Amino acid sequence: MHKFLNFILVVTLLVSGFIVYSLEHTTRGLEREIARSQRGIDEETENMRFLNAEWSSLTRPDRLRALAAQHLGLSTLKAWQIVKIGDIVTKVPPEPVIKLEAQGSDPIGSIIGKYQQ
């Protein structure tokens, strides 16, 4: 009876040792995965900071003003360009710039056709 009880205790000890070892192995694997995820989060946070700084640099008003002047021929608004609502009548022509010569003609289509050639 003693031998059987000792055998059961040894088997129980071995099984519990195996269970503890497998739990430790699983726990360490999860810890490595958490550390890997944390490193990824830190890298992405750093990338976001870098991109925000780059975006701030690219959208500086003086840089955009220079690019608009260089590529688009735009400049800042001048005081003489501001008109009152009552002055619009004198600034806008009373008739359209493009007149239809004949009924059914397409002046915009002819302009587009000139540019396509």
PDB file of N, CA and C in Angstrom:
ATOM      1  N   MET A   1       0.816  -1.183   0.000  1.00  0.00           N
ATOM      2  CA  MET A   1       0.000   0.000   0.000  1.00  0.00           C
ATOM      3  C   MET A   1       0.870   1.261   0.000  1.00  0.00           C
ATOM      4  N   HIS A   2       1.956   1.239   0.784  1.00  0.00           N
ATOM      5  CA  HIS A   2       2.868   2.367   0.819  1.00  0.00           C
ATOM      6  C   HIS A   2       3.501   2.626  -0.536  1.00  0.00           C
ATOM      7  N   LYS A   3       3.855   1.570  -1.221  1.00  0.00           N
ATOM      8  CA  LYS A   3       4.485   1.711  -2.533  1.00  0.00           C
ATOM      9  C   LYS A   3       3.497   2.317  -3.538  1.00  0.00           C
ATOM     10  N   PHE A   4       2.299   1.890  -3.485  1.00  0.00           N
ATOM     11  CA  PHE A   4       1.282   2.422  -4.395  1.00  0.00           C
ATOM     12  C   PHE A   4       1.032   3.908  -4.108  1.00  0.00           C
ATOM     13  N   LEU A   5       0.957   4.268  -2.839  1.00  0.00           N
ATOM     14  CA  LEU A   5       0.753   5.657  -2.462  1.00  0.00           C
ATOM     15  C   LEU A   5       1.945   6.513  -2.884  1.00  0.00           C
ATOM     16  N   ASN A   6       3.153   6.000  -2.692  1.00  0.00           N
ATOM     17  CA  ASN A   6       4.358   6.714  -3.132  1.00  0.00           C
ATOM     18  C   ASN A   6       4.359   6.877  -4.648  1.00  0.00           C
ATOM     19  N   PHE A   7       3.951   5.829  -5.348  1.00  0.00           N
ATOM     20  CA  PHE A   7       3.890   5.892  -6.812  1.00  0.00           C
ATOM     21  C   PHE A   7       2.899   6.976  -7.266  1.00  0.00           C
ATOM     22  N   ILE A   8       1.733   7.034  -6.663  1.00  0.00           N
ATOM     23  CA  ILE A   8       0.722   8.037  -6.992  1.00  0.00           C
ATOM     24  C   ILE A   8       1.273   9.439  -6.694  1.00  0.00           C
ATOM     25  N   LEU A   9       1.941   9.612  -5.571  1.00  0.00           N
ATOM     26  CA  LEU A   9       2.510  10.904  -5.207  1.00  0.00           C
ATOM     27  C   LEU A   9       3.602  11.324  -6.198  1.00  0.00           C
ATOM     28  N   VAL A  10       4.440  10.404  -6.626  1.00  0.00           N
ATOM     29  CA  VAL A  10       5.500  10.715  -7.596  1.00  0.00           C
ATOM     30  C   VAL A  10       4.881  11.092  -8.939  1.00  0.00           C
ATOM     31  N   VAL A  11       3.873  10.336  -9.369  1.00  0.00           N
ATOM     32  CA  VAL A  11       3.199  10.661 -10.638  1.00  0.00           C
ATOM     33  C   VAL A  11       2.520  12.023 -10.541  1.00  0.00           C
ATOM     34  N   THR A  12       1.870  12.301  -9.422  1.00  0.00           N
ATOM     35  CA  THR A  12       1.217  13.601  -9.221  1.00  0.00           C
ATOM     36  C   THR A  12       2.253  14.726  -9.236  1.00  0.00           C
ATOM     37  N   LEU A  13       3.394  14.508  -8.608  1.00  0.00           N
ATOM     38  CA  LEU A  13       4.467  15.494  -8.600  1.00  0.00           C
ATOM     39  C   LEU A  13       4.988  15.743 -10.008  1.00  0.00           C
ATOM     40  N   LEU A  14       5.189  14.677 -10.787  1.00  0.00           N
ATOM     41  CA  LEU A  14       5.667  14.837 -12.164  1.00  0.00           C
ATOM     42  C   LEU A  14       4.646  15.568 -13.037  1.00  0.00           C
ATOM     43  N   VAL A  15       3.378  15.207 -12.905  1.00  0.00           N
ATOM     44  CA  VAL A  15       2.332  15.859 -13.698  1.00  0.00           C
ATOM     45  C   VAL A  15       2.237  17.335 -13.317  1.00  0.00           C
ATOM     46  N   SER A  16       2.262  17.636 -12.009  1.00  0.00           N
ATOM     47  CA  SER A  16       2.179  19.027 -11.586  1.00  0.00           C
ATOM     48  C   SER A  16       3.427  19.804 -12.026  1.00  0.00           C
ATOM     49  N   GLY A  17       4.588  19.190 -12.027  1.00  0.00           N
ATOM     50  CA  GLY A  17       5.817  19.823 -12.523  1.00  0.00           C
ATOM     51  C   GLY A  17       5.699  20.131 -14.013  1.00  0.00           C
ATOM     52  N   PHE A  18       5.162  19.191 -14.777  1.00  0.00           N
ATOM     53  CA  PHE A  18       4.969  19.417 -16.206  1.00  0.00           C
ATOM     54  C   PHE A  18       3.991  20.555 -16.454  1.00  0.00           C
ATOM     55  N   ILE A  19       2.906  20.585 -15.677  1.00  0.00           N
ATOM     56  CA  ILE A  19       1.906  21.645 -15.832  1.00  0.00           C
ATOM     57  C   ILE A  19       2.522  23.008 -15.503  1.00  0.00           C
ATOM     58  N   VAL A  20       3.301  23.077 -14.414  1.00  0.00           N
ATOM     59  CA  VAL A  20       3.939  24.341 -14.041  1.00  0.00           C
ATOM     60  C   VAL A  20       4.933  24.769 -15.121  1.00  0.00           C
ATOM     61  N   TYR A  21       5.713  23.825 -15.658  1.00  0.00           N
ATOM     62  CA  TYR A  21       6.671  24.141 -16.710  1.00  0.00           C
ATOM     63  C   TYR A  21       5.952  24.661 -17.963  1.00  0.00           C
ATOM     64  N   SER A  22       4.863  24.011 -18.370  1.00  0.00           N
ATOM     65  CA  SER A  22       4.144  24.450 -19.561  1.00  0.00           C
ATOM     66  C   SER A  22       3.501  25.822 -19.341  1.00  0.00           C
ATOM     67  N   LEU A  23       2.991  26.076 -18.130  1.00  0.00           N
ATOM     68  CA  LEU A  23       2.439  27.398 -17.825  1.00  0.00           C
ATOM     69  C   LEU A  23       3.519  28.479 -17.872  1.00  0.00           C
ATOM     70  N   GLU A  24       4.706  28.154 -17.343  1.00  0.00           N
ATOM     71  CA  GLU A  24       5.803  29.113 -17.378  1.00  0.00           C
ATOM     72  C   GLU A  24       6.231  29.390 -18.820  1.00  0.00           C
ATOM     73  N   HIS A  25       6.304  28.347 -19.628  1.00  0.00           N
ATOM     74  CA  HIS A  25       6.683  28.502 -21.033  1.00  0.00           C
ATOM     75  C   HIS A  25       5.653  29.366 -21.782  1.00  0.00           C
ATOM     76  N   THR A  26       4.389  29.112 -21.546  1.00  0.00           N
ATOM     77  CA  THR A  26       3.329  29.899 -22.177  1.00  0.00           C
ATOM     78  C   THR A  26       3.384  31.352 -21.715  1.00  0.00           C
ATOM     79  N   THR A  27       3.612  31.557 -20.416  1.00  0.00           N
ATOM     80  CA  THR A  27       3.689  32.907 -19.863  1.00  0.00           C
ATOM     81  C   THR A  27       4.851  33.686 -20.461  1.00  0.00           C
ATOM     82  N   ARG A  28       6.006  33.054 -20.586  1.00  0.00           N
ATOM     83  CA  ARG A  28       7.163  33.742 -21.178  1.00  0.00           C
ATOM     84  C   ARG A  28       6.920  34.066 -22.648  1.00  0.00           C
ATOM     85  N   GLY A  29       6.247  33.178 -23.357  1.00  0.00           N
ATOM     86  CA  GLY A  29       5.906  33.464 -24.755  1.00  0.00           C
ATOM     87  C   GLY A  29       4.979  34.671 -24.864  1.00  0.00           C
ATOM     88  N   LEU A  30       3.986  34.729 -23.976  1.00  0.00           N
ATOM     89  CA  LEU A  30       3.083  35.876 -23.970  1.00  0.00           C
ATOM     90  C   LEU A  30       3.807  37.168 -23.582  1.00  0.00           C
ATOM     91  N   GLU A  31       4.754  37.069 -22.644  1.00  0.00           N
ATOM     92  CA  GLU A  31       5.535  38.248 -22.262  1.00  0.00           C
ATOM     93  C   GLU A  31       6.363  38.752 -23.449  1.00  0.00           C
ATOM     94  N   ARG A  32       6.957  37.824 -24.211  1.00  0.00           N
ATOM     95  CA  ARG A  32       7.716  38.229 -25.402  1.00  0.00           C
ATOM     96  C   ARG A  32       6.799  38.894 -26.434  1.00  0.00           C
ATOM     97  N   GLU A  33       5.604  38.354 -26.618  1.00  0.00           N
ATOM     98  CA  GLU A  33       4.652  38.933 -27.566  1.00  0.00           C
ATOM     99  C   GLU A  33       4.210  40.328 -27.116  1.00  0.00           C
ATOM    100  N   ILE A  34       3.989  40.508 -25.818  1.00  0.00           N
ATOM    101  CA  ILE A  34       3.616  41.821 -25.287  1.00  0.00           C
ATOM    102  C   ILE A  34       4.757  42.816 -25.493  1.00  0.00           C
ATOM    103  N   ALA A  35       5.991  42.394 -25.233  1.00  0.00           N
ATOM    104  CA  ALA A  35       7.144  43.283 -25.423  1.00  0.00           C
ATOM    105  C   ALA A  35       7.292  43.659 -26.894  1.00  0.00           C
ATOM    106  N   ARG A  36       7.070  42.703 -27.805  1.00  0.00           N
ATOM    107  CA  ARG A  36       7.154  42.970 -29.246  1.00  0.00           C
ATOM    108  C   ARG A  36       6.060  43.964 -29.653  1.00  0.00           C
ATOM    109  N   SER A  37       4.859  43.789 -29.125  1.00  0.00           N
ATOM    110  CA  SER A  37       3.763  44.717 -29.429  1.00  0.00           C
ATOM    111  C   SER A  37       4.065  46.112 -28.883  1.00  0.00           C
ATOM    112  N   GLN A  38       4.637  46.182 -27.694  1.00  0.00           N
ATOM    113  CA  GLN A  38       4.978  47.472 -27.096  1.00  0.00           C
ATOM    114  C   GLN A  38       6.042  48.182 -27.913  1.00  0.00           C
ATOM    115  N   ARG A  39       7.041  47.435 -28.418  1.00  0.00           N
ATOM    116  CA  ARG A  39       8.051  48.047 -29.284  1.00  0.00           C
ATOM    117  C   ARG A  39       7.420  48.578 -30.561  1.00  0.00           C
ATOM    118  N   GLY A  40       6.481  47.820 -31.124  1.00  0.00           N
ATOM    119  CA  GLY A  40       5.779  48.290 -32.323  1.00  0.00           C
ATOM    120  C   GLY A  40       4.981  49.555 -32.060  1.00  0.00           C
ATOM    121  N   ILE A  41       4.314  49.613 -30.913  1.00  0.00           N
ATOM    122  CA  ILE A  41       3.549  50.805 -30.542  1.00  0.00           C
ATOM    123  C   ILE A  41       4.484  51.998 -30.380  1.00  0.00           C
ATOM    124  N   ASP A  42       5.633  51.773 -29.722  1.00  0.00           N
ATOM    125  CA  ASP A  42       6.598  52.861 -29.542  1.00  0.00           C
ATOM    126  C   ASP A  42       7.132  53.357 -30.882  1.00  0.00           C
ATOM    127  N   GLU A  43       7.412  52.431 -31.818  1.00  0.00           N
ATOM    128  CA  GLU A  43       7.894  52.828 -33.143  1.00  0.00           C
ATOM    129  C   GLU A  43       6.840  53.643 -33.884  1.00  0.00           C
ATOM    130  N   GLU A  44       5.588  53.203 -33.833  1.00  0.00           N
ATOM    131  CA  GLU A  44       4.525  53.930 -34.524  1.00  0.00           C
ATOM    132  C   GLU A  44       4.287  55.297 -33.896  1.00  0.00           C
ATOM    133  N   THR A  45       4.403  55.396 -32.572  1.00  0.00           N
ATOM    134  CA  THR A  45       4.268  56.687 -31.904  1.00  0.00           C
ATOM    135  C   THR A  45       5.375  57.632 -32.352  1.00  0.00           C
ATOM    136  N   GLU A  46       6.581  57.111 -32.448  1.00  0.00           N
ATOM    137  CA  GLU A  46       7.708  57.926 -32.921  1.00  0.00           C
ATOM    138  C   GLU A  46       7.506  58.345 -34.375  1.00  0.00           C
ATOM    139  N   ASN A  47       7.000  57.427 -35.207  1.00  0.00           N
ATOM    140  CA  ASN A  47       6.708  57.772 -36.605  1.00  0.00           C
ATOM    141  C   ASN A  47       5.646  58.862 -36.689  1.00  0.00           C
ATOM    142  N   MET A  48       4.621  58.780 -35.846  1.00  0.00           N
ATOM    143  CA  MET A  48       3.573  59.800 -35.847  1.00  0.00           C
ATOM    144  C   MET A  48       4.138  61.162 -35.440  1.00  0.00           C
ATOM    145  N   ARG A  49       5.017  61.178 -34.455  1.00  0.00           N
ATOM    146  CA  ARG A  49       5.644  62.437 -34.051  1.00  0.00           C
ATOM    147  C   ARG A  49       6.476  63.012 -35.194  1.00  0.00           C
ATOM    148  N   PHE A  50       7.231  62.148 -35.858  1.00  0.00           N
ATOM    149  CA  PHE A  50       8.053  62.595 -36.983  1.00  0.00           C
ATOM    150  C   PHE A  50       7.178  63.143 -38.107  1.00  0.00           C
ATOM    151  N   LEU A  51       6.108  62.432 -38.440  1.00  0.00           N
ATOM    152  CA  LEU A  51       5.228  62.884 -39.517  1.00  0.00           C
ATOM    153  C   LEU A  51       4.501  64.177 -39.163  1.00  0.00           C
ATOM    154  N   ASN A  52       4.112  64.335 -37.909  1.00  0.00           N
ATOM    155  CA  ASN A  52       3.489  65.591 -37.480  1.00  0.00           C
ATOM    156  C   ASN A  52       4.469  66.755 -37.601  1.00  0.00           C
ATOM    157  N   ALA A  53       5.731  66.512 -37.229  1.00  0.00           N
ATOM    158  CA  ALA A  53       6.741  67.565 -37.364  1.00  0.00           C
ATOM    159  C   ALA A  53       6.980  67.890 -38.835  1.00  0.00           C
ATOM    160  N   GLU A  54       7.031  66.873 -39.678  1.00  0.00           N
ATOM    161  CA  GLU A  54       7.230  67.101 -41.103  1.00  0.00           C
ATOM    162  C   GLU A  54       6.026  67.842 -41.705  1.00  0.00           C
ATOM    163  N   TRP A  55       4.824  67.473 -41.299  1.00  0.00           N
ATOM    164  CA  TRP A  55       3.617  68.149 -41.790  1.00  0.00           C
ATOM    165  C   TRP A  55       3.635  69.619 -41.377  1.00  0.00           C
ATOM    166  N   SER A  56       4.044  69.898 -40.137  1.00  0.00           N
ATOM    167  CA  SER A  56       4.136  71.283 -39.683  1.00  0.00           C
ATOM    168  C   SER A  56       5.153  72.053 -40.514  1.00  0.00           C
ATOM    169  N   SER A  57       6.241  71.403 -40.864  1.00  0.00           N
ATOM    170  CA  SER A  57       7.253  72.054 -41.688  1.00  0.00           C
ATOM    171  C   SER A  57       6.740  72.315 -43.102  1.00  0.00           C
ATOM    172  N   LEU A  58       6.009  71.360 -43.666  1.00  0.00           N
ATOM    173  CA  LEU A  58       5.530  71.495 -45.035  1.00  0.00           C
ATOM    174  C   LEU A  58       4.393  72.501 -45.169  1.00  0.00           C
ATOM    175  N   THR A  59       3.640  72.729 -44.114  1.00  0.00           N
ATOM    176  CA  THR A  59       2.485  73.629 -44.203  1.00  0.00           C
ATOM    177  C   THR A  59       2.760  75.001 -43.593  1.00  0.00           C
ATOM    178  N   ARG A  60       4.029  75.370 -43.490  1.00  0.00           N
ATOM    179  CA  ARG A  60       4.353  76.718 -43.011  1.00  0.00           C
ATOM    180  C   ARG A  60       3.807  77.737 -44.001  1.00  0.00           C
ATOM    181  N   PRO A  61       3.180  78.804 -43.523  1.00  0.00           N
ATOM    182  CA  PRO A  61       2.604  79.797 -44.429  1.00  0.00           C
ATOM    183  C   PRO A  61       3.620  80.426 -45.375  1.00  0.00           C
ATOM    184  N   ASP A  62       4.832  80.715 -44.893  1.00  0.00           N
ATOM    185  CA  ASP A  62       5.818  81.331 -45.779  1.00  0.00           C
ATOM    186  C   ASP A  62       6.245  80.380 -46.891  1.00  0.00           C
ATOM    187  N   ARG A  63       6.342  79.097 -46.598  1.00  0.00           N
ATOM    188  CA  ARG A  63       6.692  78.106 -47.618  1.00  0.00           C
ATOM    189  C   ARG A  63       5.565  77.974 -48.642  1.00  0.00           C
ATOM    190  N   LEU A  64       4.318  77.890 -48.161  1.00  0.00           N
ATOM    191  CA  LEU A  64       3.185  77.784 -49.077  1.00  0.00           C
ATOM    192  C   LEU A  64       3.041  79.030 -49.940  1.00  0.00           C
ATOM    193  N   ARG A  65       3.308  80.194 -49.370  1.00  0.00           N
ATOM    194  CA  ARG A  65       3.234  81.435 -50.131  1.00  0.00           C
ATOM    195  C   ARG A  65       4.268  81.427 -51.251  1.00  0.00           C
ATOM    196  N   ALA A  66       5.493  80.989 -50.946  1.00  0.00           N
ATOM    197  CA  ALA A  66       6.544  80.945 -51.965  1.00  0.00           C
ATOM    198  C   ALA A  66       6.197  79.934 -53.057  1.00  0.00           C
ATOM    199  N   LEU A  67       5.661  78.769 -52.677  1.00  0.00           N
ATOM    200  CA  LEU A  67       5.282  77.763 -53.678  1.00  0.00           C
ATOM    201  C   LEU A  67       4.128  78.245 -54.545  1.00  0.00           C
ATOM    202  N   ALA A  68       3.167  78.913 -53.937  1.00  0.00           N
ATOM    203  CA  ALA A  68       2.036  79.433 -54.714  1.00  0.00           C
ATOM    204  C   ALA A  68       2.508  80.487 -55.700  1.00  0.00           C
ATOM    205  N   ALA A  69       3.432  81.341 -55.273  1.00  0.00           N
ATOM    206  CA  ALA A  69       3.950  82.366 -56.181  1.00  0.00           C
ATOM    207  C   ALA A  69       4.769  81.736 -57.296  1.00  0.00           C
ATOM    208  N   GLN A  70       5.532  80.708 -56.974  1.00  0.00           N
ATOM    209  CA  GLN A  70       6.420  80.078 -57.962  1.00  0.00           C
ATOM    210  C   GLN A  70       5.645  79.247 -58.980  1.00  0.00           C
ATOM    211  N   HIS A  71       4.730  78.406 -58.531  1.00  0.00           N
ATOM    212  CA  HIS A  71       4.079  77.444 -59.423  1.00  0.00           C
ATOM    213  C   HIS A  71       2.715  77.903 -59.933  1.00  0.00           C
ATOM    214  N   LEU A  72       2.011  78.696 -59.173  1.00  0.00           N
ATOM    215  CA  LEU A  72       0.656  79.082 -59.552  1.00  0.00           C
ATOM    216  C   LEU A  72       0.535  80.547 -59.958  1.00  0.00           C
ATOM    217  N   GLY A  73       1.575  81.305 -59.740  1.00  0.00           N
ATOM    218  CA  GLY A  73       1.508  82.717 -60.051  1.00  0.00           C
ATOM    219  C   GLY A  73       0.583  83.471 -59.105  1.00  0.00           C
ATOM    220  N   LEU A  74       0.387  82.957 -57.907  1.00  0.00           N
ATOM    221  CA  LEU A  74      -0.496  83.599 -56.931  1.00  0.00           C
ATOM    222  C   LEU A  74       0.309  84.505 -56.018  1.00  0.00           C
ATOM    223  N   SER A  75      -0.342  85.500 -55.501  1.00  0.00           N
ATOM    224  CA  SER A  75       0.286  86.380 -54.518  1.00  0.00           C
ATOM    225  C   SER A  75      -0.741  86.657 -53.422  1.00  0.00           C
ATOM    226  N   THR A  76      -0.304  87.396 -52.432  1.00  0.00           N
ATOM    227  CA  THR A  76      -1.218  87.694 -51.328  1.00  0.00           C
ATOM    228  C   THR A  76      -2.249  88.723 -51.770  1.00  0.00           C
ATOM    229  N   LEU A  77      -3.330  88.775 -51.069  1.00  0.00           N
ATOM    230  CA  LEU A  77      -4.432  89.677 -51.380  1.00  0.00           C
ATOM    231  C   LEU A  77      -4.017  91.113 -51.111  1.00  0.00           C
ATOM    232  N   LYS A  78      -4.251  91.978 -52.087  1.00  0.00           N
ATOM    233  CA  LYS A  78      -3.920  93.396 -51.954  1.00  0.00           C
ATOM    234  C   LYS A  78      -5.167  94.153 -51.512  1.00  0.00           C
ATOM    235  N   ALA A  79      -4.962  95.319 -50.917  1.00  0.00           N
ATOM    236  CA  ALA A  79      -6.083  96.112 -50.415  1.00  0.00           C
ATOM    237  C   ALA A  79      -6.978  96.595 -51.545  1.00  0.00           C
ATOM    238  N   TRP A  80      -6.413  96.886 -52.709  1.00  0.00           N
ATOM    239  CA  TRP A  80      -7.223  97.398 -53.816  1.00  0.00           C
ATOM    240  C   TRP A  80      -8.107  96.314 -54.437  1.00  0.00           C
ATOM    241  N   GLN A  81      -7.837  95.016 -54.097  1.00  0.00           N
ATOM    242  CA  GLN A  81      -8.648  93.933 -54.645  1.00  0.00           C
ATOM    243  C   GLN A  81      -9.953  93.741 -53.870  1.00  0.00           C
ATOM    244  N   ILE A  82     -10.063  94.337 -52.718  1.00  0.00           N
ATOM    245  CA  ILE A  82     -11.259  94.198 -51.894  1.00  0.00           C
ATOM    246  C   ILE A  82     -12.271  95.255 -52.339  1.00  0.00           C
ATOM    247  N   VAL A  83     -13.465  94.812 -52.677  1.00  0.00           N
ATOM    248  CA  VAL A  83     -14.520  95.741 -53.119  1.00  0.00           C
ATOM    249  C   VAL A  83     -15.739  95.580 -52.221  1.00  0.00           C
ATOM    250  N   LYS A  84     -16.525  96.633 -52.199  1.00  0.00           N
ATOM    251  CA  LYS A  84     -17.769  96.586 -51.435  1.00  0.00           C
ATOM    252  C   LYS A  84     -18.855  95.988 -52.319  1.00  0.00           C
ATOM    253  N   ILE A  85     -19.934  95.546 -51.708  1.00  0.00           N
ATOM    254  CA  ILE A  85     -21.013  94.912 -52.464  1.00  0.00           C
ATOM    255  C   ILE A  85     -21.611  95.886 -53.470  1.00  0.00           C
ATOM    256  N   GLY A  86     -21.707  97.140 -53.124  1.00  0.00           N
ATOM    257  CA  GLY A  86     -22.261  98.132 -54.039  1.00  0.00           C
ATOM    258  C   GLY A  86     -21.368  98.373 -55.250  1.00  0.00           C
ATOM    259  N   ASP A  87     -20.057  98.121 -55.134  1.00  0.00           N
ATOM    260  CA  ASP A  87     -19.122  98.357 -56.231  1.00  0.00           C
ATOM    261  C   ASP A  87     -19.030  97.187 -57.203  1.00  0.00           C
ATOM    262  N   ILE A  88     -19.671  96.097 -56.901  1.00  0.00           N
ATOM    263  CA  ILE A  88     -19.583  94.912 -57.768  1.00  0.00           C
ATOM    264  C   ILE A  88     -20.186  95.211 -59.136  1.00  0.00           C
ATOM    265  N   VAL A  89     -21.223  96.019 -59.176  1.00  0.00           N
ATOM    266  CA  VAL A  89     -21.877  96.344 -60.448  1.00  0.00           C
ATOM    267  C   VAL A  89     -20.884  97.007 -61.404  1.00  0.00           C
ATOM    268  N   THR A  90     -19.999  97.832 -60.892  1.00  0.00           N
ATOM    269  CA  THR A  90     -19.024  98.498 -61.761  1.00  0.00           C
ATOM    270  C   THR A  90     -17.874  97.580 -62.145  1.00  0.00           C
ATOM    271  N   LYS A  91     -17.619  96.530 -61.388  1.00  0.00           N
ATOM    272  CA  LYS A  91     -16.504  95.624 -61.666  1.00  0.00           C
ATOM    273  C   LYS A  91     -16.884  94.471 -62.591  1.00  0.00           C
ATOM    274  N   VAL A  92     -18.134  94.056 -62.573  1.00  0.00           N
ATOM    275  CA  VAL A  92     -18.581  92.913 -63.374  1.00  0.00           C
ATOM    276  C   VAL A  92     -19.175  93.453 -64.678  1.00  0.00           C
ATOM    277  N   PRO A  93     -18.778  92.887 -65.825  1.00  0.00           N
ATOM    278  CA  PRO A  93     -19.341  93.369 -67.093  1.00  0.00           C
ATOM    279  C   PRO A  93     -20.828  93.043 -67.186  1.00  0.00           C
ATOM    280  N   PRO A  94     -21.626  93.915 -67.838  1.00  0.00           N
ATOM    281  CA  PRO A  94     -23.069  93.685 -67.909  1.00  0.00           C
ATOM    282  C   PRO A  94     -23.434  92.522 -68.819  1.00  0.00           C
ATOM    283  N   GLU A  95     -22.600  92.225 -69.808  1.00  0.00           N
ATOM    284  CA  GLU A  95     -22.880  91.117 -70.724  1.00  0.00           C
ATOM    285  C   GLU A  95     -21.795  90.065 -70.579  1.00  0.00           C
ATOM    286  N   PRO A  96     -22.119  88.824 -70.882  1.00  0.00           N
ATOM    287  CA  PRO A  96     -21.100  87.780 -70.789  1.00  0.00           C
ATOM    288  C   PRO A  96     -19.970  88.027 -71.779  1.00  0.00           C
ATOM    289  N   VAL A  97     -18.778  87.560 -71.410  1.00  0.00           N
ATOM    290  CA  VAL A  97     -17.603  87.740 -72.246  1.00  0.00           C
ATOM    291  C   VAL A  97     -17.724  86.917 -73.522  1.00  0.00           C
ATOM    292  N   ILE A  98     -18.248  85.714 -73.426  1.00  0.00           N
ATOM    293  CA  ILE A  98     -18.420  84.839 -74.595  1.00  0.00           C
ATOM    294  C   ILE A  98     -19.851  85.004 -75.092  1.00  0.00           C
ATOM    295  N   LYS A  99     -19.991  85.413 -76.345  1.00  0.00           N
ATOM    296  CA  LYS A  99     -21.315  85.600 -76.927  1.00  0.00           C
ATOM    297  C   LYS A  99     -21.602  84.442 -77.870  1.00  0.00           C
ATOM    298  N   LEU A 100     -22.817  84.010 -77.864  1.00  0.00           N
ATOM    299  CA  LEU A 100     -23.223  82.963 -78.789  1.00  0.00           C
ATOM    300  C   LEU A 100     -23.474  83.607 -80.146  1.00  0.00           C
ATOM    301  N   GLU A 101     -22.705  83.214 -81.153  1.00  0.00           N
ATOM    302  CA  GLU A 101     -22.831  83.800 -82.481  1.00  0.00           C
ATOM    303  C   GLU A 101     -24.096  83.311 -83.178  1.00  0.00           C
ATOM    304  N   ALA A 102     -24.316  82.024 -83.090  1.00  0.00           N
ATOM    305  CA  ALA A 102     -25.496  81.465 -83.755  1.00  0.00           C
ATOM    306  C   ALA A 102     -26.173  80.510 -82.783  1.00  0.00           C
ATOM    307  N   GLN A 103     -27.426  80.297 -82.989  1.00  0.00           N
ATOM    308  CA  GLN A 103     -28.182  79.389 -82.133  1.00  0.00           C
ATOM    309  C   GLN A 103     -27.617  77.984 -82.308  1.00  0.00           C
ATOM    310  N   GLY A 104     -27.343  77.313 -81.224  1.00  0.00           N
ATOM    311  CA  GLY A 104     -26.849  75.938 -81.271  1.00  0.00           C
ATOM    312  C   GLY A 104     -25.333  75.835 -81.335  1.00  0.00           C
ATOM    313  N   SER A 105     -24.607  76.935 -81.330  1.00  0.00           N
ATOM    314  CA  SER A 105     -23.141  76.853 -81.348  1.00  0.00           C
ATOM    315  C   SER A 105     -22.637  76.570 -79.931  1.00  0.00           C
ATOM    316  N   ASP A 106     -21.462  76.022 -79.872  1.00  0.00           N
ATOM    317  CA  ASP A 106     -20.876  75.639 -78.588  1.00  0.00           C
ATOM    318  C   ASP A 106     -19.522  76.331 -78.440  1.00  0.00           C
ATOM    319  N   PRO A 107     -19.471  77.528 -77.865  1.00  0.00           N
ATOM    320  CA  PRO A 107     -18.199  78.250 -77.782  1.00  0.00           C
ATOM    321  C   PRO A 107     -17.205  77.574 -76.838  1.00  0.00           C
ATOM    322  N   ILE A 108     -17.684  76.991 -75.766  1.00  0.00           N
ATOM    323  CA  ILE A 108     -16.770  76.322 -74.838  1.00  0.00           C
ATOM    324  C   ILE A 108     -16.186  75.081 -75.486  1.00  0.00           C
ATOM    325  N   GLY A 109     -17.003  74.353 -76.225  1.00  0.00           N
ATOM    326  CA  GLY A 109     -16.497  73.174 -76.940  1.00  0.00           C
ATOM    327  C   GLY A 109     -15.446  73.545 -77.958  1.00  0.00           C
ATOM    328  N   SER A 110     -15.594  74.686 -78.638  1.00  0.00           N
ATOM    329  CA  SER A 110     -14.591  75.098 -79.615  1.00  0.00           C
ATOM    330  C   SER A 110     -13.287  75.498 -78.908  1.00  0.00           C
ATOM    331  N   ILE A 111     -13.386  76.103 -77.738  1.00  0.00           N
ATOM    332  CA  ILE A 111     -12.177  76.440 -76.977  1.00  0.00           C
ATOM    333  C   ILE A 111     -11.455  75.186 -76.554  1.00  0.00           C
ATOM    334  N   ILE A 112     -12.196  74.196 -76.074  1.00  0.00           N
ATOM    335  CA  ILE A 112     -11.592  72.922 -75.664  1.00  0.00           C
ATOM    336  C   ILE A 112     -10.972  72.237 -76.875  1.00  0.00           C
ATOM    337  N   GLY A 113     -11.634  72.312 -78.023  1.00  0.00           N
ATOM    338  CA  GLY A 113     -11.104  71.705 -79.244  1.00  0.00           C
ATOM    339  C   GLY A 113      -9.787  72.333 -79.666  1.00  0.00           C
ATOM    340  N   LYS A 114      -9.636  73.640 -79.481  1.00  0.00           N
ATOM    341  CA  LYS A 114      -8.381  74.306 -79.823  1.00  0.00           C
ATOM    342  C   LYS A 114      -7.238  73.791 -78.961  1.00  0.00           C
ATOM    343  N   TYR A 115      -7.520  73.563 -77.673  1.00  0.00           N
ATOM    344  CA  TYR A 115      -6.472  73.107 -76.770  1.00  0.00           C
ATOM    345  C   TYR A 115      -6.129  71.629 -76.953  1.00  0.00           C
ATOM    346  N   GLN A 116      -7.026  70.863 -77.492  1.00  0.00           N
ATOM    347  CA  GLN A 116      -6.769  69.441 -77.684  1.00  0.00           C
ATOM    348  C   GLN A 116      -5.902  69.186 -78.910  1.00  0.00           C
ATOM    349  N   GLN A 117      -5.806  70.105 -79.807  1.00  0.00           N
ATOM    350  CA  GLN A 117      -5.013  69.898 -81.025  1.00  0.00           C
ATOM    351  C   GLN A 117      -3.565  70.096 -80.790  1.00  0.00           C
TER     352      GLN A 117
END
